[in-house]
Amino acid sequence: MIRMPNCDICKYYFDEAEINCCEAFPERIPLEVMIKAGPGVECAPGYFFEEKESDRIYGEPPADGLYARMMRLKNSKG
């Protein structure tokens, strides 16, 4: 089962970045952090996962977002 990482909906996530990064991890979000991200989880010292205050959260995920990239990878492996 594929679990959608919460990073895409965190208020610290950089939507414009070509790689997965955020204020806590400006170079790249480590896979182990993506897996554990969730309400109340401290991703890095001083950075706790918090959902964006946006109505876009519950709409379609962004075409270049983490979920879309995971699905492309899954589908390319057949």
N, C-alpha and C. Protein backbone atom coordinates (compact mmCIF):
# COMPACT_ATOMS: atom_id res chain seq x y z
N MET A 1 0.84 -1.18 0.00
CA MET A 1 0.00 0.00 0.00
C MET A 1 0.88 1.25 0.00
N ILE A 2 0.54 2.20 -0.83
CA ILE A 2 1.28 3.46 -0.87
C ILE A 2 0.63 4.43 0.09
N ARG A 3 1.45 5.04 0.91
CA ARG A 3 0.98 6.05 1.87
C ARG A 3 1.45 7.40 1.36
N MET A 4 0.53 8.33 1.19
CA MET A 4 0.87 9.66 0.70
C MET A 4 1.60 10.45 1.77
N PRO A 5 2.80 10.93 1.47
CA PRO A 5 3.53 11.73 2.46
C PRO A 5 2.77 13.03 2.75
N ASN A 6 2.82 13.47 3.97
CA ASN A 6 2.15 14.69 4.37
C ASN A 6 2.94 15.95 4.04
N CYS A 7 4.17 15.80 3.59
CA CYS A 7 5.01 16.98 3.33
C CYS A 7 4.34 17.97 2.38
N ASP A 8 3.64 17.47 1.35
CA ASP A 8 2.97 18.34 0.38
C ASP A 8 1.98 19.29 1.04
N ILE A 9 1.41 18.90 2.15
CA ILE A 9 0.38 19.75 2.78
C ILE A 9 0.89 20.46 4.03
N CYS A 10 2.19 20.40 4.29
CA CYS A 10 2.78 21.08 5.44
C CYS A 10 3.03 22.55 5.09
N LYS A 11 2.81 23.42 6.04
CA LYS A 11 2.98 24.84 5.78
C LYS A 11 4.44 25.23 5.54
N TYR A 12 5.39 24.38 5.88
CA TYR A 12 6.81 24.67 5.68
C TYR A 12 7.35 24.16 4.34
N TYR A 13 6.55 23.41 3.60
CA TYR A 13 6.97 22.81 2.33
C TYR A 13 7.09 23.88 1.25
N PHE A 14 8.12 23.80 0.41
CA PHE A 14 8.31 24.73 -0.71
C PHE A 14 7.63 24.15 -1.94
N ASP A 15 6.50 24.70 -2.33
CA ASP A 15 5.77 24.21 -3.50
C ASP A 15 6.51 24.45 -4.80
N GLU A 16 7.30 25.51 -4.86
CA GLU A 16 7.96 25.90 -6.11
C GLU A 16 9.25 25.12 -6.38
N ALA A 17 9.75 24.42 -5.42
CA ALA A 17 11.04 23.74 -5.56
C ALA A 17 10.93 22.53 -6.49
N GLU A 18 12.01 22.27 -7.23
CA GLU A 18 12.03 21.11 -8.12
C GLU A 18 12.33 19.82 -7.37
N ILE A 19 12.95 19.94 -6.20
CA ILE A 19 13.17 18.78 -5.35
C ILE A 19 12.33 18.97 -4.09
N ASN A 20 12.12 17.92 -3.35
CA ASN A 20 11.32 17.99 -2.13
C ASN A 20 12.13 18.67 -1.03
N CYS A 21 11.77 19.91 -0.70
CA CYS A 21 12.46 20.61 0.37
C CYS A 21 11.49 21.52 1.11
N CYS A 22 11.93 21.97 2.28
CA CYS A 22 11.09 22.80 3.13
C CYS A 22 11.99 23.68 3.99
N GLU A 23 11.38 24.47 4.87
CA GLU A 23 12.17 25.33 5.74
C GLU A 23 13.08 24.52 6.66
N ALA A 24 12.63 23.37 7.11
CA ALA A 24 13.44 22.53 7.99
C ALA A 24 14.57 21.84 7.23
N PHE A 25 14.34 21.52 5.96
CA PHE A 25 15.32 20.83 5.12
C PHE A 25 15.41 21.55 3.76
N PRO A 26 16.10 22.67 3.71
CA PRO A 26 16.14 23.47 2.47
C PRO A 26 16.88 22.81 1.31
N GLU A 27 17.71 21.82 1.58
CA GLU A 27 18.44 21.13 0.51
C GLU A 27 17.63 19.96 -0.06
N ARG A 28 17.02 19.17 0.81
CA ARG A 28 16.20 18.02 0.41
C ARG A 28 15.63 17.38 1.67
N ILE A 29 14.37 16.98 1.62
CA ILE A 29 13.74 16.31 2.76
C ILE A 29 14.16 14.84 2.75
N PRO A 30 14.76 14.36 3.83
CA PRO A 30 15.16 12.95 3.88
C PRO A 30 13.93 12.03 3.84
N LEU A 31 14.08 10.88 3.21
CA LEU A 31 12.98 9.93 3.08
C LEU A 31 12.41 9.54 4.44
N GLU A 32 13.27 9.32 5.43
CA GLU A 32 12.77 8.91 6.75
C GLU A 32 11.91 9.99 7.39
N VAL A 33 12.14 11.25 7.05
CA VAL A 33 11.32 12.35 7.56
C VAL A 33 9.98 12.36 6.84
N MET A 34 9.99 12.16 5.51
CA MET A 34 8.74 12.12 4.74
C MET A 34 7.82 11.03 5.26
N ILE A 35 8.39 9.90 5.60
CA ILE A 35 7.60 8.76 6.04
C ILE A 35 6.91 9.05 7.39
N LYS A 36 7.62 9.73 8.29
CA LYS A 36 7.05 9.94 9.63
C LYS A 36 6.25 11.24 9.76
N ALA A 37 6.30 12.13 8.77
CA ALA A 37 5.62 13.43 8.87
C ALA A 37 4.14 13.25 9.15
N GLY A 38 3.65 13.96 10.14
CA GLY A 38 2.25 13.89 10.49
C GLY A 38 1.96 14.86 11.63
N PRO A 39 0.70 15.04 11.98
CA PRO A 39 0.33 15.96 13.03
C PRO A 39 1.12 15.74 14.32
N GLY A 40 1.73 16.81 14.81
CA GLY A 40 2.47 16.77 16.07
C GLY A 40 3.87 16.22 15.98
N VAL A 41 4.32 15.79 14.80
CA VAL A 41 5.65 15.21 14.64
C VAL A 41 6.67 16.34 14.44
N GLU A 42 7.77 16.27 15.19
CA GLU A 42 8.86 17.23 15.02
C GLU A 42 9.79 16.67 13.94
N CYS A 43 9.81 17.34 12.79
CA CYS A 43 10.61 16.87 11.65
C CYS A 43 12.09 17.21 11.83
N ALA A 44 12.35 18.37 12.40
CA ALA A 44 13.69 18.85 12.69
C ALA A 44 13.56 19.73 13.92
N PRO A 45 14.65 19.98 14.64
CA PRO A 45 14.54 20.80 15.84
C PRO A 45 13.84 22.14 15.56
N GLY A 46 12.72 22.34 16.23
CA GLY A 46 11.96 23.58 16.09
C GLY A 46 10.93 23.57 14.97
N TYR A 47 10.87 22.51 14.19
CA TYR A 47 9.91 22.43 13.08
C TYR A 47 8.98 21.23 13.29
N PHE A 48 7.73 21.55 13.55
CA PHE A 48 6.71 20.53 13.72
C PHE A 48 5.80 20.54 12.50
N PHE A 49 5.36 19.35 12.06
CA PHE A 49 4.44 19.28 10.94
C PHE A 49 3.18 20.06 11.28
N GLU A 50 2.79 20.96 10.37
CA GLU A 50 1.55 21.72 10.51
C GLU A 50 0.91 21.83 9.14
N GLU A 51 -0.37 21.50 9.03
CA GLU A 51 -1.06 21.60 7.76
C GLU A 51 -1.18 23.06 7.33
N LYS A 52 -1.10 23.28 6.02
CA LYS A 52 -1.29 24.62 5.46
C LYS A 52 -2.71 25.06 5.74
N GLU A 53 -2.89 26.33 5.96
CA GLU A 53 -4.24 26.87 6.12
C GLU A 53 -4.71 27.34 4.75
N SER A 54 -5.07 26.36 3.93
CA SER A 54 -5.44 26.63 2.55
C SER A 54 -6.54 25.67 2.14
N ASP A 55 -7.45 26.16 1.32
CA ASP A 55 -8.51 25.26 0.86
C ASP A 55 -7.99 24.31 -0.22
N ARG A 56 -6.79 24.53 -0.71
CA ARG A 56 -6.19 23.68 -1.73
C ARG A 56 -5.80 22.32 -1.18
N ILE A 57 -5.64 22.22 0.13
CA ILE A 57 -5.20 20.96 0.75
C ILE A 57 -6.11 19.80 0.37
N TYR A 58 -7.39 20.03 0.37
CA TYR A 58 -8.32 18.93 0.13
C TYR A 58 -8.76 18.84 -1.32
N GLY A 59 -8.16 19.63 -2.19
CA GLY A 59 -8.44 19.56 -3.62
C GLY A 59 -7.48 18.61 -4.29
N GLU A 60 -7.31 18.79 -5.58
CA GLU A 60 -6.38 17.96 -6.34
C GLU A 60 -4.95 18.26 -5.90
N PRO A 61 -4.12 17.23 -5.76
CA PRO A 61 -2.72 17.49 -5.43
C PRO A 61 -2.03 18.17 -6.61
N PRO A 62 -1.01 18.98 -6.37
CA PRO A 62 -0.33 19.66 -7.46
C PRO A 62 0.30 18.67 -8.43
N ALA A 63 0.29 19.03 -9.73
CA ALA A 63 0.80 18.14 -10.78
C ALA A 63 2.28 17.81 -10.59
N ASP A 64 3.02 18.72 -9.97
CA ASP A 64 4.45 18.48 -9.77
C ASP A 64 4.76 18.16 -8.31
N GLY A 65 3.73 17.87 -7.53
CA GLY A 65 3.91 17.59 -6.11
C GLY A 65 4.44 16.19 -5.85
N LEU A 66 4.70 15.92 -4.62
CA LEU A 66 5.28 14.66 -4.18
C LEU A 66 4.40 13.46 -4.55
N TYR A 67 3.10 13.56 -4.33
CA TYR A 67 2.19 12.46 -4.64
C TYR A 67 2.22 12.13 -6.13
N ALA A 68 2.16 13.16 -6.98
CA ALA A 68 2.17 12.95 -8.43
C ALA A 68 3.47 12.29 -8.88
N ARG A 69 4.58 12.72 -8.31
CA ARG A 69 5.87 12.12 -8.67
C ARG A 69 5.94 10.66 -8.23
N MET A 70 5.40 10.35 -7.07
CA MET A 70 5.39 8.96 -6.59
C MET A 70 4.54 8.09 -7.51
N MET A 71 3.39 8.61 -7.95
CA MET A 71 2.52 7.84 -8.81
C MET A 71 3.15 7.61 -10.18
N ARG A 72 3.86 8.61 -10.72
CA ARG A 72 4.56 8.43 -11.99
C ARG A 72 5.61 7.35 -11.86
N LEU A 73 6.34 7.37 -10.75
CA LEU A 73 7.38 6.36 -10.52
C LEU A 73 6.76 4.97 -10.41
N LYS A 74 5.69 4.86 -9.66
CA LYS A 74 4.99 3.58 -9.49
C LYS A 74 4.50 3.07 -10.84
N ASN A 75 3.89 3.93 -11.65
CA ASN A 75 3.34 3.52 -12.94
C ASN A 75 4.44 3.18 -13.95
N SER A 76 5.60 3.81 -13.83
CA SER A 76 6.68 3.53 -14.78
C SER A 76 7.32 2.16 -14.50
N LYS A 77 7.17 1.66 -13.28
CA LYS A 77 7.72 0.35 -12.93
C LYS A 77 6.77 -0.78 -13.35
N GLY A 78 5.55 -0.39 -13.71
CA GLY A 78 4.58 -1.32 -14.26
C GLY A 78 4.04 -2.27 -13.31
